[in-house]
Each structure stands twice: as C-alpha cells, then as structure tokens.
Amino acid sequence: MMPIIFEPITKTDIKDALVLYNHYIKTSTSTFSIAPLGENEMEQILFSGFDRFPSYKILFEGKFVGYVLMNRYKPREAYDQTAEVTVYIDEAYHGRGIGYASLKYIETFAKNHSFRALLGVICAENTGSIKLFERLGYFKCAHFKEVGKKFDRLLDVVIYEKLL
C-alpha cells in the first residue's frame, strides 16, 4: 500500500481543492454552502492567514485526494487553544483509512502546537463523518436542531469534541 502523504497546501492546489469542495456542495450535506465557490473563496478557506491554523493537501498514489485543515473556532483570543478541524476526501478514496490518517495527522500538529480542544462540526445525517470522529475518540458535545437548510430540507448540526 502506498503511503498517505501530507504537504502544506499551496496556491497551486486551490483548483484541485475547489473541484473537490464544489462536488460536495452540489451532491451532499457535508457542507452547508449551496452555490459553487470560486477560486478566491476557496483560497480564503484554505489560507486563514494564521500559521497556527494550517491546511494540508492529502496525496495518495501520487494524486491529490483531499485536504485537511484547522480553523479558528471563534475570533477571540480566549479560544486560541481550540480549533475546528475539517477534512474532505475524494469519494473514490473513501474506505481506505485516509480520513482516519488525516485526522490523526492534524491532531499531532495540534498537540505539538499547544491546542487543548479540537471540534468537528458535522451535519447530523453525515453518519460516515460521525463514525470517523467517534472512532478517534471525539464525543458529541452539541446538537443543533434544524439550523441549516439545503436541498429543501432542514438539517441538524452536531459538534464533536476531542480534548488533547
């Protein structure tokens, strides 16, 4: 099995990440974005402007298959030990342990940079993501009822937390 490689995202990766993210916008409730994004919007997602909150491309079999990133949970200094983690993997590569390895990778970064808590914000019907986060020791800490609307359906959001 070829190794999973994580490298810092660069501006040349924006198009690959955009194709992946726009696919999920059109086909799933993994994101609550409704209209496809442009390159500038994707750049804002991938590059927070803070070294403390990085983004990594995920390479498998020599191909870009996804990305994993950390974002500020809230823009207040008191929350600087907390990050929201996000991972998107090309559907063709689901079930190969790439999501698991990606979250483990970002957790190691977080531990090495004095983070205390990681959060996963997930649409409640996204059972695959929920199982992934639970498998890594995240626990459900919040459940928001009908806070998003996509595909003409009201959707719940759950938050999973892991204390490092």
C-alpha atoms as a PDB file:
ATOM      1  CA  MET A   1       0.000   0.000   0.000  1.00  0.00           C
ATOM      2  CA  MET A   2       1.326   3.421  -0.926  1.00  0.00           C
ATOM      3  CA  PRO A   3       1.737   5.852   1.945  1.00  0.00           C
ATOM      4  CA  ILE A   4      -0.557   8.778   2.544  1.00  0.00           C
ATOM      5  CA  ILE A   5       1.436  11.994   2.234  1.00  0.00           C
ATOM      6  CA  PHE A   6       0.535  15.324   3.820  1.00  0.00           C
ATOM      7  CA  GLU A   7       2.053  18.533   2.473  1.00  0.00           C
ATOM      8  CA  PRO A   8       1.201  22.161   3.190  1.00  0.00           C
ATOM      9  CA  ILE A   9      -1.384  23.449   0.726  1.00  0.00           C
ATOM     10  CA  THR A  10      -0.023  25.929  -1.798  1.00  0.00           C
ATOM     11  CA  LYS A  11      -1.759  28.306  -4.170  1.00  0.00           C
ATOM     12  CA  THR A  12      -1.268  25.761  -6.963  1.00  0.00           C
ATOM     13  CA  ASP A  13      -3.545  23.344  -5.044  1.00  0.00           C
ATOM     14  CA  ILE A  14      -6.519  25.712  -4.967  1.00  0.00           C
ATOM     15  CA  LYS A  15      -8.053  24.368  -8.190  1.00  0.00           C
ATOM     16  CA  ASP A  16      -7.883  20.736  -7.031  1.00  0.00           C
ATOM     17  CA  ALA A  17      -9.391  21.629  -3.658  1.00  0.00           C
ATOM     18  CA  LEU A  18     -12.080  23.703  -5.371  1.00  0.00           C
ATOM     19  CA  VAL A  19     -13.150  20.863  -7.668  1.00  0.00           C
ATOM     20  CA  LEU A  20     -13.431  18.556  -4.648  1.00  0.00           C
ATOM     21  CA  TYR A  21     -15.297  21.047  -2.472  1.00  0.00           C
ATOM     22  CA  ASN A  22     -17.693  22.103  -5.249  1.00  0.00           C
ATOM     23  CA  HIS A  23     -18.533  18.431  -5.812  1.00  0.00           C
ATOM     24  CA  TYR A  24     -19.605  18.162  -2.179  1.00  0.00           C
ATOM     25  CA  ILE A  25     -21.560  21.417  -2.418  1.00  0.00           C
ATOM     26  CA  LYS A  26     -23.597  20.046  -5.332  1.00  0.00           C
ATOM     27  CA  THR A  27     -24.089  16.495  -4.084  1.00  0.00           C
ATOM     28  CA  SER A  28     -24.132  16.391  -0.294  1.00  0.00           C
ATOM     29  CA  THR A  29     -24.865  17.984   3.034  1.00  0.00           C
ATOM     30  CA  SER A  30     -21.206  17.650   4.059  1.00  0.00           C
ATOM     31  CA  THR A  31     -21.014  21.392   3.566  1.00  0.00           C
ATOM     32  CA  PHE A  32     -23.793  23.908   4.001  1.00  0.00           C
ATOM     33  CA  SER A  33     -22.514  26.005   1.108  1.00  0.00           C
ATOM     34  CA  ILE A  34     -25.213  25.944  -1.541  1.00  0.00           C
ATOM     35  CA  ALA A  35     -23.720  27.701  -4.565  1.00  0.00           C
ATOM     36  CA  PRO A  36     -20.387  26.547  -6.031  1.00  0.00           C
ATOM     37  CA  LEU A  37     -17.428  28.635  -4.921  1.00  0.00           C
ATOM     38  CA  GLY A  38     -14.815  30.439  -6.967  1.00  0.00           C
ATOM     39  CA  GLU A  39     -11.050  30.300  -6.547  1.00  0.00           C
ATOM     40  CA  ASN A  40     -10.920  33.409  -4.324  1.00  0.00           C
ATOM     41  CA  GLU A  41     -13.454  31.929  -1.889  1.00  0.00           C
ATOM     42  CA  MET A  42     -11.585  28.623  -1.814  1.00  0.00           C
ATOM     43  CA  GLU A  43      -8.346  30.472  -1.130  1.00  0.00           C
ATOM     44  CA  GLN A  44      -9.962  32.137   1.889  1.00  0.00           C
ATOM     45  CA  ILE A  45     -10.995  28.716   3.243  1.00  0.00           C
ATOM     46  CA  LEU A  46      -7.558  27.178   2.764  1.00  0.00           C
ATOM     47  CA  PHE A  47      -5.409  30.101   3.925  1.00  0.00           C
ATOM     48  CA  SER A  48      -6.576  31.513   7.234  1.00  0.00           C
ATOM     49  CA  GLY A  49      -3.665  33.923   7.498  1.00  0.00           C
ATOM     50  CA  PHE A  50      -2.557  32.298  10.766  1.00  0.00           C
ATOM     51  CA  ASP A  51       0.366  29.844  10.818  1.00  0.00           C
ATOM     52  CA  ARG A  52      -1.258  28.282  13.854  1.00  0.00           C
ATOM     53  CA  PHE A  53      -4.195  27.116  11.689  1.00  0.00           C
ATOM     54  CA  PRO A  54      -2.696  25.233   8.723  1.00  0.00           C
ATOM     55  CA  SER A  55      -4.108  23.434   5.715  1.00  0.00           C
ATOM     56  CA  TYR A  56      -2.601  20.300   4.182  1.00  0.00           C
ATOM     57  CA  LYS A  57      -3.180  18.563   0.889  1.00  0.00           C
ATOM     58  CA  ILE A  58      -3.550  14.811   1.055  1.00  0.00           C
ATOM     59  CA  LEU A  59      -1.696  12.798  -1.560  1.00  0.00           C
ATOM     60  CA  PHE A  60      -2.364   9.116  -2.161  1.00  0.00           C
ATOM     61  CA  GLU A  61      -0.948   7.074  -5.019  1.00  0.00           C
ATOM     62  CA  GLY A  62       0.711  10.309  -6.130  1.00  0.00           C
ATOM     63  CA  LYS A  63      -2.637  12.101  -6.551  1.00  0.00           C
ATOM     64  CA  PHE A  64      -4.380  14.928  -4.748  1.00  0.00           C
ATOM     65  CA  VAL A  65      -7.239  13.132  -2.974  1.00  0.00           C
ATOM     66  CA  GLY A  66      -8.295  15.724  -0.426  1.00  0.00           C
ATOM     67  CA  TYR A  67      -7.338  18.218   2.206  1.00  0.00           C
ATOM     68  CA  VAL A  68      -7.408  18.597   5.964  1.00  0.00           C
ATOM     69  CA  LEU A  69      -7.269  21.875   7.836  1.00  0.00           C
ATOM     70  CA  MET A  70      -7.672  23.618  11.138  1.00  0.00           C
ATOM     71  CA  ASN A  71      -9.579  26.880  11.549  1.00  0.00           C
ATOM     72  CA  ARG A  72     -10.136  29.239  14.413  1.00  0.00           C
ATOM     73  CA  TYR A  73     -13.235  28.260  16.327  1.00  0.00           C
ATOM     74  CA  LYS A  74     -14.006  31.882  17.248  1.00  0.00           C
ATOM     75  CA  PRO A  75     -12.056  35.094  16.597  1.00  0.00           C
ATOM     76  CA  ARG A  76     -11.371  35.780  20.283  1.00  0.00           C
ATOM     77  CA  GLU A  77      -8.013  35.162  21.959  1.00  0.00           C
ATOM     78  CA  ALA A  78      -9.610  33.067  24.697  1.00  0.00           C
ATOM     79  CA  TYR A  79     -10.386  30.411  22.074  1.00  0.00           C
ATOM     80  CA  ASP A  80      -6.846  30.169  20.689  1.00  0.00           C
ATOM     81  CA  GLN A  81      -6.347  26.716  22.224  1.00  0.00           C
ATOM     82  CA  THR A  82      -9.377  25.417  20.309  1.00  0.00           C
ATOM     83  CA  ALA A  83      -9.626  24.652  16.590  1.00  0.00           C
ATOM     84  CA  GLU A  84     -12.268  23.382  14.217  1.00  0.00           C
ATOM     85  CA  VAL A  85     -10.960  20.560  12.040  1.00  0.00           C
ATOM     86  CA  THR A  86     -12.179  19.877   8.527  1.00  0.00           C
ATOM     87  CA  VAL A  87     -11.352  17.042   6.179  1.00  0.00           C
ATOM     88  CA  TYR A  88     -12.582  16.411   2.640  1.00  0.00           C
ATOM     89  CA  ILE A  89     -11.610  13.236   0.789  1.00  0.00           C
ATOM     90  CA  ASP A  90     -12.464  12.391  -2.810  1.00  0.00           C
ATOM     91  CA  GLU A  91     -15.327   9.855  -2.664  1.00  0.00           C
ATOM     92  CA  ALA A  92     -13.344   7.444  -4.853  1.00  0.00           C
ATOM     93  CA  TYR A  93     -10.889   7.112  -1.943  1.00  0.00           C
ATOM     94  CA  HIS A  94     -13.356   6.607   0.915  1.00  0.00           C
ATOM     95  CA  GLY A  95     -12.880   3.479   2.996  1.00  0.00           C
ATOM     96  CA  ARG A  96      -9.088   3.369   2.655  1.00  0.00           C
ATOM     97  CA  GLY A  97      -8.200   4.911   6.022  1.00  0.00           C
ATOM     98  CA  ILE A  98      -7.309   8.274   4.513  1.00  0.00           C
ATOM     99  CA  GLY A  99      -9.795  10.243   6.633  1.00  0.00           C
ATOM    100  CA  TYR A 100      -8.575   8.478   9.766  1.00  0.00           C
ATOM    101  CA  ALA A 101      -4.917   9.179   8.924  1.00  0.00           C
ATOM    102  CA  SER A 102      -5.756  12.802   8.096  1.00  0.00           C
ATOM    103  CA  LEU A 103      -7.406  13.473  11.441  1.00  0.00           C
ATOM    104  CA  LYS A 104      -4.545  11.745  13.268  1.00  0.00           C
ATOM    105  CA  TYR A 105      -2.080  13.924  11.347  1.00  0.00           C
ATOM    106  CA  ILE A 106      -3.855  17.164  12.233  1.00  0.00           C
ATOM    107  CA  GLU A 107      -4.219  16.026  15.861  1.00  0.00           C
ATOM    108  CA  THR A 108      -0.454  15.552  16.067  1.00  0.00           C
ATOM    109  CA  PHE A 109       0.063  19.064  14.717  1.00  0.00           C
ATOM    110  CA  ALA A 110      -2.440  20.393  17.260  1.00  0.00           C
ATOM    111  CA  LYS A 111      -0.758  18.606  20.178  1.00  0.00           C
ATOM    112  CA  ASN A 112       2.650  19.907  19.109  1.00  0.00           C
ATOM    113  CA  HIS A 113       1.289  23.465  18.992  1.00  0.00           C
ATOM    114  CA  SER A 114      -0.398  23.524  22.408  1.00  0.00           C
ATOM    115  CA  PHE A 115      -4.007  23.118  21.347  1.00  0.00           C
ATOM    116  CA  ARG A 116      -6.351  21.790  24.012  1.00  0.00           C
ATOM    117  CA  ALA A 117      -9.565  21.024  22.104  1.00  0.00           C
ATOM    118  CA  LEU A 118     -10.479  20.067  18.544  1.00  0.00           C
ATOM    119  CA  LEU A 119     -14.006  20.342  17.194  1.00  0.00           C
ATOM    120  CA  GLY A 120     -15.701  18.687  14.238  1.00  0.00           C
ATOM    121  CA  VAL A 121     -18.858  20.450  13.032  1.00  0.00           C
ATOM    122  CA  ILE A 122     -20.907  17.871  11.129  1.00  0.00           C
ATOM    123  CA  CYS A 123     -24.330  17.651   9.509  1.00  0.00           C
ATOM    124  CA  ALA A 124     -26.193  15.167  11.707  1.00  0.00           C
ATOM    125  CA  GLU A 125     -27.108  12.971   8.723  1.00  0.00           C
ATOM    126  CA  ASN A 126     -23.430  12.548   7.772  1.00  0.00           C
ATOM    127  CA  THR A 127     -23.043   9.247   9.604  1.00  0.00           C
ATOM    128  CA  GLY A 128     -19.746   8.421   7.905  1.00  0.00           C
ATOM    129  CA  SER A 129     -18.059  11.503   9.349  1.00  0.00           C
ATOM    130  CA  ILE A 130     -19.669  10.964  12.737  1.00  0.00           C
ATOM    131  CA  LYS A 131     -18.332   7.388  12.859  1.00  0.00           C
ATOM    132  CA  LEU A 132     -14.867   8.589  11.841  1.00  0.00           C
ATOM    133  CA  PHE A 133     -14.728  11.208  14.589  1.00  0.00           C
ATOM    134  CA  GLU A 134     -16.112   8.783  17.184  1.00  0.00           C
ATOM    135  CA  ARG A 135     -13.536   6.173  16.185  1.00  0.00           C
ATOM    136  CA  LEU A 136     -10.830   8.697  17.008  1.00  0.00           C
ATOM    137  CA  GLY A 137     -12.237   9.439  20.455  1.00  0.00           C
ATOM    138  CA  TYR A 138     -14.304  12.543  19.754  1.00  0.00           C
ATOM    139  CA  PHE A 139     -17.501  12.852  21.776  1.00  0.00           C
ATOM    140  CA  LYS A 140     -20.744  14.577  20.867  1.00  0.00           C
ATOM    141  CA  CYS A 141     -20.925  17.830  22.783  1.00  0.00           C
ATOM    142  CA  ALA A 142     -23.694  19.697  20.934  1.00  0.00           C
ATOM    143  CA  HIS A 143     -26.715  19.069  18.758  1.00  0.00           C
ATOM    144  CA  PHE A 144     -28.379  21.990  16.995  1.00  0.00           C
ATOM    145  CA  LYS A 145     -31.818  21.260  15.563  1.00  0.00           C
ATOM    146  CA  GLU A 146     -32.810  22.456  12.080  1.00  0.00           C
ATOM    147  CA  VAL A 147     -30.143  25.170  11.830  1.00  0.00           C
ATOM    148  CA  GLY A 148     -29.325  24.674   8.146  1.00  0.00           C
ATOM    149  CA  LYS A 149     -31.434  24.343   5.029  1.00  0.00           C
ATOM    150  CA  LYS A 150     -30.147  22.570   1.946  1.00  0.00           C
ATOM    151  CA  PHE A 151     -31.879  20.614  -0.798  1.00  0.00           C
ATOM    152  CA  ASP A 152     -35.192  21.955   0.599  1.00  0.00           C
ATOM    153  CA  ARG A 153     -34.635  20.147   3.907  1.00  0.00           C
ATOM    154  CA  LEU A 154     -33.998  21.498   7.384  1.00  0.00           C
ATOM    155  CA  LEU A 155     -30.858  19.912   8.774  1.00  0.00           C
ATOM    156  CA  ASP A 156     -29.366  19.380  12.209  1.00  0.00           C
ATOM    157  CA  VAL A 157     -25.727  20.051  13.054  1.00  0.00           C
ATOM    158  CA  VAL A 158     -23.722  18.179  15.674  1.00  0.00           C
ATOM    159  CA  ILE A 159     -20.397  19.119  17.163  1.00  0.00           C
ATOM    160  CA  TYR A 160     -17.873  16.503  18.184  1.00  0.00           C
ATOM    161  CA  GLU A 161     -15.018  17.421  20.518  1.00  0.00           C
ATOM    162  CA  LYS A 162     -11.711  15.860  21.451  1.00  0.00           C
ATOM    163  CA  LEU A 163      -9.606  17.071  24.343  1.00  0.00           C
ATOM    164  CA  LEU A 164      -5.914  16.621  23.633  1.00  0.00           C
END
